[in-house]
Structure formats: C-alpha cells, structure tokens
Amino acid sequence: MTDYSHYQDEISENGFTVINDVYSEAEVNDLIAAINDADKSNPTFRKNADLFAIRQFLKEVPQIKTTIFNED
C-alpha cells in the first residue's frame, strides 16, 4: 500500500501538493485534445495573455470524465 501522508502534510503546510505521473502521456494527450476541441464561445471559458480557465469544467467538457476518473 502506498503511503500518501506526505501529500497530506504538504497540503496542510502549503495549501497544495503535486502528485506526479497520475496520468499516462496518452491520457494527457486525450485531455488536451478534449479541451482544444471544446466550444470556447461560452462565458465559462476565460482566456487572455495571463489566464486560461474553464468554470464548471466537467459540465463544459463532459467527454473528459472517463479519462479523469479512470480505474487506474
């Protein structure tokens, strides 16, 4: 069993943590493609020189759920 306590400690201390290698390269490419193919005309998409954000991400890009919430 993997010990994740150091991630909990980092979250407590810093407010965030980074977990590497959660997704394979192919899965990352699928995520990028789904975001690139999404309808960006909705006001929930925000993009300028300093920011790219999608509010209600799973609602706006629903096809991404199977990749994000995988069994692995």
PDB file of N, CA and C in Angstrom:
ATOM      1  N   MET A   1       0.838  -1.181   0.000  1.00  0.00           N
ATOM      2  CA  MET A   1       0.000   0.000   0.000  1.00  0.00           C
ATOM      3  C   MET A   1       0.883   1.245   0.000  1.00  0.00           C
ATOM      4  N   THR A   2       0.528   2.227  -0.813  1.00  0.00           N
ATOM      5  CA  THR A   2       1.298   3.453  -0.922  1.00  0.00           C
ATOM      6  C   THR A   2       0.972   4.391   0.236  1.00  0.00           C
ATOM      7  N   ASP A   3       2.000   5.001   0.792  1.00  0.00           N
ATOM      8  CA  ASP A   3       1.823   5.963   1.880  1.00  0.00           C
ATOM      9  C   ASP A   3       1.682   7.366   1.291  1.00  0.00           C
ATOM     10  N   TYR A   4       0.505   7.941   1.437  1.00  0.00           N
ATOM     11  CA  TYR A   4       0.224   9.265   0.896  1.00  0.00           C
ATOM     12  C   TYR A   4       0.279  10.358   1.966  1.00  0.00           C
ATOM     13  N   SER A   5       0.756  10.038   3.164  1.00  0.00           N
ATOM     14  CA  SER A   5       0.721  11.001   4.260  1.00  0.00           C
ATOM     15  C   SER A   5       1.548  12.249   3.967  1.00  0.00           C
ATOM     16  N   HIS A   6       2.641  12.104   3.204  1.00  0.00           N
ATOM     17  CA  HIS A   6       3.446  13.296   2.902  1.00  0.00           C
ATOM     18  C   HIS A   6       2.671  14.281   2.027  1.00  0.00           C
ATOM     19  N   TYR A   7       1.767  13.779   1.179  1.00  0.00           N
ATOM     20  CA  TYR A   7       0.921  14.672   0.389  1.00  0.00           C
ATOM     21  C   TYR A   7      -0.036  15.437   1.296  1.00  0.00           C
ATOM     22  N   GLN A   8      -0.589  14.758   2.268  1.00  0.00           N
ATOM     23  CA  GLN A   8      -1.471  15.415   3.235  1.00  0.00           C
ATOM     24  C   GLN A   8      -0.716  16.482   4.013  1.00  0.00           C
ATOM     25  N   ASP A   9       0.521  16.179   4.389  1.00  0.00           N
ATOM     26  CA  ASP A   9       1.348  17.152   5.097  1.00  0.00           C
ATOM     27  C   ASP A   9       1.607  18.388   4.237  1.00  0.00           C
ATOM     28  N   GLU A  10       1.920  18.165   2.953  1.00  0.00           N
ATOM     29  CA  GLU A  10       2.167  19.287   2.048  1.00  0.00           C
ATOM     30  C   GLU A  10       0.920  20.150   1.880  1.00  0.00           C
ATOM     31  N   ILE A  11      -0.228  19.517   1.778  1.00  0.00           N
ATOM     32  CA  ILE A  11      -1.474  20.274   1.660  1.00  0.00           C
ATOM     33  C   ILE A  11      -1.705  21.107   2.917  1.00  0.00           C
ATOM     34  N   SER A  12      -1.481  20.515   4.066  1.00  0.00           N
ATOM     35  CA  SER A  12      -1.647  21.238   5.329  1.00  0.00           C
ATOM     36  C   SER A  12      -0.679  22.415   5.436  1.00  0.00           C
ATOM     37  N   GLU A  13       0.555  22.217   5.004  1.00  0.00           N
ATOM     38  CA  GLU A  13       1.579  23.250   5.121  1.00  0.00           C
ATOM     39  C   GLU A  13       1.504  24.311   4.032  1.00  0.00           C
ATOM     40  N   ASN A  14       1.239  23.884   2.791  1.00  0.00           N
ATOM     41  CA  ASN A  14       1.333  24.793   1.647  1.00  0.00           C
ATOM     42  C   ASN A  14      -0.005  25.127   0.994  1.00  0.00           C
ATOM     43  N   GLY A  15      -1.028  24.346   1.306  1.00  0.00           N
ATOM     44  CA  GLY A  15      -2.326  24.550   0.658  1.00  0.00           C
ATOM     45  C   GLY A  15      -2.473  23.807  -0.657  1.00  0.00           C
ATOM     46  N   PHE A  16      -1.431  23.101  -1.080  1.00  0.00           N
ATOM     47  CA  PHE A  16      -1.483  22.315  -2.320  1.00  0.00           C
ATOM     48  C   PHE A  16      -0.377  21.264  -2.269  1.00  0.00           C
ATOM     49  N   THR A  17      -0.448  20.346  -3.211  1.00  0.00           N
ATOM     50  CA  THR A  17       0.625  19.377  -3.416  1.00  0.00           C
ATOM     51  C   THR A  17       0.650  19.007  -4.892  1.00  0.00           C
ATOM     52  N   VAL A  18       1.731  18.416  -5.320  1.00  0.00           N
ATOM     53  CA  VAL A  18       1.869  17.947  -6.694  1.00  0.00           C
ATOM     54  C   VAL A  18       2.107  16.446  -6.646  1.00  0.00           C
ATOM     55  N   ILE A  19       1.281  15.713  -7.373  1.00  0.00           N
ATOM     56  CA  ILE A  19       1.443  14.267  -7.472  1.00  0.00           C
ATOM     57  C   ILE A  19       1.803  13.964  -8.925  1.00  0.00           C
ATOM     58  N   ASN A  20       3.021  13.538  -9.142  1.00  0.00           N
ATOM     59  CA  ASN A  20       3.498  13.271 -10.497  1.00  0.00           C
ATOM     60  C   ASN A  20       2.981  11.940 -11.031  1.00  0.00           C
ATOM     61  N   ASP A  21       2.922  11.834 -12.347  1.00  0.00           N
ATOM     62  CA  ASP A  21       2.611  10.594 -13.060  1.00  0.00           C
ATOM     63  C   ASP A  21       1.245  10.014 -12.712  1.00  0.00           C
ATOM     64  N   VAL A  22       0.266  10.873 -12.511  1.00  0.00           N
ATOM     65  CA  VAL A  22      -1.096  10.407 -12.256  1.00  0.00           C
ATOM     66  C   VAL A  22      -1.698   9.850 -13.541  1.00  0.00           C
ATOM     67  N   TYR A  23      -1.414  10.507 -14.658  1.00  0.00           N
ATOM     68  CA  TYR A  23      -1.948  10.091 -15.955  1.00  0.00           C
ATOM     69  C   TYR A  23      -0.801   9.746 -16.896  1.00  0.00           C
ATOM     70  N   SER A  24      -1.078   8.807 -17.793  1.00  0.00           N
ATOM     71  CA  SER A  24      -0.084   8.441 -18.811  1.00  0.00           C
ATOM     72  C   SER A  24       0.024   9.569 -19.840  1.00  0.00           C
ATOM     73  N   GLU A  25       1.043   9.511 -20.658  1.00  0.00           N
ATOM     74  CA  GLU A  25       1.207  10.512 -21.717  1.00  0.00           C
ATOM     75  C   GLU A  25       0.014  10.486 -22.675  1.00  0.00           C
ATOM     76  N   ALA A  26      -0.486   9.300 -22.991  1.00  0.00           N
ATOM     77  CA  ALA A  26      -1.652   9.183 -23.881  1.00  0.00           C
ATOM     78  C   ALA A  26      -2.886   9.826 -23.248  1.00  0.00           C
ATOM     79  N   GLU A  27      -3.069   9.627 -21.948  1.00  0.00           N
ATOM     80  CA  GLU A  27      -4.214  10.231 -21.260  1.00  0.00           C
ATOM     81  C   GLU A  27      -4.089  11.752 -21.231  1.00  0.00           C
ATOM     82  N   VAL A  28      -2.886  12.249 -21.001  1.00  0.00           N
ATOM     83  CA  VAL A  28      -2.672  13.703 -21.019  1.00  0.00           C
ATOM     84  C   VAL A  28      -2.999  14.251 -22.403  1.00  0.00           C
ATOM     85  N   ASN A  29      -2.576  13.558 -23.439  1.00  0.00           N
ATOM     86  CA  ASN A  29      -2.890  13.991 -24.803  1.00  0.00           C
ATOM     87  C   ASN A  29      -4.390  13.977 -25.059  1.00  0.00           C
ATOM     88  N   ASP A  30      -5.104  12.985 -24.519  1.00  0.00           N
ATOM     89  CA  ASP A  30      -6.567  12.938 -24.642  1.00  0.00           C
ATOM     90  C   ASP A  30      -7.214  14.129 -23.942  1.00  0.00           C
ATOM     91  N   LEU A  31      -6.709  14.468 -22.758  1.00  0.00           N
ATOM     92  CA  LEU A  31      -7.239  15.621 -22.013  1.00  0.00           C
ATOM     93  C   LEU A  31      -7.020  16.917 -22.786  1.00  0.00           C
ATOM     94  N   ILE A  32      -5.821  17.096 -23.304  1.00  0.00           N
ATOM     95  CA  ILE A  32      -5.509  18.301 -24.081  1.00  0.00           C
ATOM     96  C   ILE A  32      -6.390  18.389 -25.319  1.00  0.00           C
ATOM     97  N   ALA A  33      -6.561  17.277 -26.020  1.00  0.00           N
ATOM     98  CA  ALA A  33      -7.392  17.266 -27.224  1.00  0.00           C
ATOM     99  C   ALA A  33      -8.840  17.610 -26.899  1.00  0.00           C
ATOM    100  N   ALA A  34      -9.362  17.067 -25.813  1.00  0.00           N
ATOM    101  CA  ALA A  34     -10.748  17.353 -25.418  1.00  0.00           C
ATOM    102  C   ALA A  34     -10.931  18.835 -25.096  1.00  0.00           C
ATOM    103  N   ILE A  35      -9.971  19.418 -24.413  1.00  0.00           N
ATOM    104  CA  ILE A  35     -10.048  20.856 -24.095  1.00  0.00           C
ATOM    105  C   ILE A  35      -9.936  21.683 -25.366  1.00  0.00           C
ATOM    106  N   ASN A  36      -9.018  21.314 -26.249  1.00  0.00           N
ATOM    107  CA  ASN A  36      -8.858  22.056 -27.501  1.00  0.00           C
ATOM    108  C   ASN A  36     -10.096  21.962 -28.389  1.00  0.00           C
ATOM    109  N   ASP A  37     -10.814  20.829 -28.325  1.00  0.00           N
ATOM    110  CA  ASP A  37     -11.994  20.632 -29.159  1.00  0.00           C
ATOM    111  C   ASP A  37     -13.266  21.221 -28.551  1.00  0.00           C
ATOM    112  N   ALA A  38     -13.223  21.662 -27.330  1.00  0.00           N
ATOM    113  CA  ALA A  38     -14.414  22.183 -26.642  1.00  0.00           C
ATOM    114  C   ALA A  38     -14.836  23.520 -27.234  1.00  0.00           C
ATOM    115  N   ASP A  39     -16.119  23.807 -27.111  1.00  0.00           N
ATOM    116  CA  ASP A  39     -16.697  25.079 -27.572  1.00  0.00           C
ATOM    117  C   ASP A  39     -16.260  26.182 -26.611  1.00  0.00           C
ATOM    118  N   LYS A  40     -15.356  27.030 -27.068  1.00  0.00           N
ATOM    119  CA  LYS A  40     -14.799  28.075 -26.210  1.00  0.00           C
ATOM    120  C   LYS A  40     -15.578  29.383 -26.278  1.00  0.00           C
ATOM    121  N   SER A  41     -16.723  29.375 -26.935  1.00  0.00           N
ATOM    122  CA  SER A  41     -17.510  30.611 -27.050  1.00  0.00           C
ATOM    123  C   SER A  41     -18.356  30.882 -25.801  1.00  0.00           C
ATOM    124  N   ASN A  42     -18.493  29.899 -24.930  1.00  0.00           N
ATOM    125  CA  ASN A  42     -19.281  30.089 -23.711  1.00  0.00           C
ATOM    126  C   ASN A  42     -18.556  31.011 -22.737  1.00  0.00           C
ATOM    127  N   PRO A  43     -19.295  31.767 -21.957  1.00  0.00           N
ATOM    128  CA  PRO A  43     -18.660  32.670 -20.979  1.00  0.00           C
ATOM    129  C   PRO A  43     -17.930  31.939 -19.856  1.00  0.00           C
ATOM    130  N   THR A  44     -18.125  30.621 -19.743  1.00  0.00           N
ATOM    131  CA  THR A  44     -17.416  29.857 -18.718  1.00  0.00           C
ATOM    132  C   THR A  44     -15.950  29.631 -19.090  1.00  0.00           C
ATOM    133  N   PHE A  45     -15.581  29.922 -20.330  1.00  0.00           N
ATOM    134  CA  PHE A  45     -14.193  29.844 -20.780  1.00  0.00           C
ATOM    135  C   PHE A  45     -13.575  31.232 -20.669  1.00  0.00           C
ATOM    136  N   ARG A  46     -12.449  31.310 -20.010  1.00  0.00           N
ATOM    137  CA  ARG A  46     -11.750  32.588 -19.860  1.00  0.00           C
ATOM    138  C   ARG A  46     -10.327  32.403 -20.372  1.00  0.00           C
ATOM    139  N   LYS A  47      -9.950  33.258 -21.321  1.00  0.00           N
ATOM    140  CA  LYS A  47      -8.598  33.152 -21.852  1.00  0.00           C
ATOM    141  C   LYS A  47      -8.091  34.545 -22.208  1.00  0.00           C
ATOM    142  N   ASN A  48      -6.923  34.859 -21.701  1.00  0.00           N
ATOM    143  CA  ASN A  48      -6.203  36.049 -22.117  1.00  0.00           C
ATOM    144  C   ASN A  48      -4.712  35.740 -22.016  1.00  0.00           C
ATOM    145  N   ALA A  49      -3.877  36.748 -22.095  1.00  0.00           N
ATOM    146  CA  ALA A  49      -2.429  36.515 -22.090  1.00  0.00           C
ATOM    147  C   ALA A  49      -1.942  35.867 -20.793  1.00  0.00           C
ATOM    148  N   ASP A  50      -2.634  36.125 -19.680  1.00  0.00           N
ATOM    149  CA  ASP A  50      -2.182  35.638 -18.380  1.00  0.00           C
ATOM    150  C   ASP A  50      -3.025  34.528 -17.789  1.00  0.00           C
ATOM    151  N   LEU A  51      -4.120  34.150 -18.450  1.00  0.00           N
ATOM    152  CA  LEU A  51      -5.066  33.255 -17.803  1.00  0.00           C
ATOM    153  C   LEU A  51      -5.743  32.337 -18.809  1.00  0.00           C
ATOM    154  N   PHE A  52      -5.916  31.079 -18.416  1.00  0.00           N
ATOM    155  CA  PHE A  52      -6.811  30.170 -19.124  1.00  0.00           C
ATOM    156  C   PHE A  52      -7.566  29.412 -18.056  1.00  0.00           C
ATOM    157  N   ALA A  53      -8.873  29.546 -18.040  1.00  0.00           N
ATOM    158  CA  ALA A  53      -9.691  28.892 -17.021  1.00  0.00           C
ATOM    159  C   ALA A  53     -11.006  28.443 -17.638  1.00  0.00           C
ATOM    160  N   ILE A  54     -11.529  27.348 -17.114  1.00  0.00           N
ATOM    161  CA  ILE A  54     -12.837  26.846 -17.529  1.00  0.00           C
ATOM    162  C   ILE A  54     -13.655  26.642 -16.268  1.00  0.00           C
ATOM    163  N   ARG A  55     -14.694  27.454 -16.086  1.00  0.00           N
ATOM    164  CA  ARG A  55     -15.599  27.253 -14.955  1.00  0.00           C
ATOM    165  C   ARG A  55     -16.526  26.101 -15.299  1.00  0.00           C
ATOM    166  N   GLN A  56     -16.916  25.356 -14.301  1.00  0.00           N
ATOM    167  CA  GLN A  56     -17.791  24.195 -14.489  1.00  0.00           C
ATOM    168  C   GLN A  56     -17.179  23.240 -15.521  1.00  0.00           C
ATOM    169  N   PHE A  57     -15.914  22.928 -15.280  1.00  0.00           N
ATOM    170  CA  PHE A  57     -15.100  22.165 -16.239  1.00  0.00           C
ATOM    171  C   PHE A  57     -15.769  20.873 -16.704  1.00  0.00           C
ATOM    172  N   LEU A  58     -16.244  20.057 -15.777  1.00  0.00           N
ATOM    173  CA  LEU A  58     -16.837  18.767 -16.170  1.00  0.00           C
ATOM    174  C   LEU A  58     -18.151  18.947 -16.924  1.00  0.00           C
ATOM    175  N   LYS A  59     -18.843  20.014 -16.653  1.00  0.00           N
ATOM    176  CA  LYS A  59     -20.082  20.303 -17.386  1.00  0.00           C
ATOM    177  C   LYS A  59     -19.766  20.786 -18.805  1.00  0.00           C
ATOM    178  N   GLU A  60     -18.715  21.565 -18.949  1.00  0.00           N
ATOM    179  CA  GLU A  60     -18.352  22.123 -20.249  1.00  0.00           C
ATOM    180  C   GLU A  60     -17.612  21.126 -21.144  1.00  0.00           C
ATOM    181  N   VAL A  61     -16.902  20.173 -20.531  1.00  0.00           N
ATOM    182  CA  VAL A  61     -16.134  19.182 -21.298  1.00  0.00           C
ATOM    183  C   VAL A  61     -16.470  17.794 -20.742  1.00  0.00           C
ATOM    184  N   PRO A  62     -17.710  17.339 -20.900  1.00  0.00           N
ATOM    185  CA  PRO A  62     -18.138  16.094 -20.247  1.00  0.00           C
ATOM    186  C   PRO A  62     -17.426  14.845 -20.749  1.00  0.00           C
ATOM    187  N   GLN A  63     -16.943  14.842 -21.975  1.00  0.00           N
ATOM    188  CA  GLN A  63     -16.278  13.659 -22.514  1.00  0.00           C
ATOM    189  C   GLN A  63     -14.957  13.362 -21.797  1.00  0.00           C
ATOM    190  N   ILE A  64     -14.508  14.275 -21.001  1.00  0.00           N
ATOM    191  CA  ILE A  64     -13.240  14.119 -20.295  1.00  0.00           C
ATOM    192  C   ILE A  64     -13.370  13.265 -19.029  1.00  0.00           C
ATOM    193  N   LYS A  65     -14.584  13.057 -18.579  1.00  0.00           N
ATOM    194  CA  LYS A  65     -14.824  12.330 -17.316  1.00  0.00           C
ATOM    195  C   LYS A  65     -14.213  10.930 -17.317  1.00  0.00           C
ATOM    196  N   THR A  66     -14.318  10.208 -18.410  1.00  0.00           N
ATOM    197  CA  THR A  66     -13.808   8.828 -18.434  1.00  0.00           C
ATOM    198  C   THR A  66     -12.288   8.782 -18.295  1.00  0.00           C
ATOM    199  N   THR A  67     -11.605   9.817 -18.767  1.00  0.00           N
ATOM    200  CA  THR A  67     -10.157   9.863 -18.629  1.00  0.00           C
ATOM    201  C   THR A  67      -9.761  10.302 -17.224  1.00  0.00           C
ATOM    202  N   ILE A  68     -10.418  11.327 -16.712  1.00  0.00           N
ATOM    203  CA  ILE A  68     -10.074  11.846 -15.387  1.00  0.00           C
ATOM    204  C   ILE A  68     -10.377  10.830 -14.295  1.00  0.00           C
ATOM    205  N   PHE A  69     -11.551  10.236 -14.365  1.00  0.00           N
ATOM    206  CA  PHE A  69     -11.986   9.307 -13.312  1.00  0.00           C
ATOM    207  C   PHE A  69     -11.789   7.866 -13.766  1.00  0.00           C
ATOM    208  N   ASN A  70     -10.547   7.521 -14.080  1.00  0.00           N
ATOM    209  CA  ASN A  70     -10.258   6.169 -14.541  1.00  0.00           C
ATOM    210  C   ASN A  70     -10.079   5.228 -13.351  1.00  0.00           C
ATOM    211  N   GLU A  71      -9.984   3.968 -13.617  1.00  0.00           N
ATOM    212  CA  GLU A  71      -9.849   2.944 -12.572  1.00  0.00           C
ATOM    213  C   GLU A  71      -8.409   2.750 -12.131  1.00  0.00           C
ATOM    214  N   ASP A  72      -7.455   3.273 -12.868  1.00  0.00           N
ATOM    215  CA  ASP A  72      -6.030   3.042 -12.562  1.00  0.00           C
ATOM    216  C   ASP A  72      -5.547   3.908 -11.432  1.00  0.00           C
TER     217      ASP A  72
END
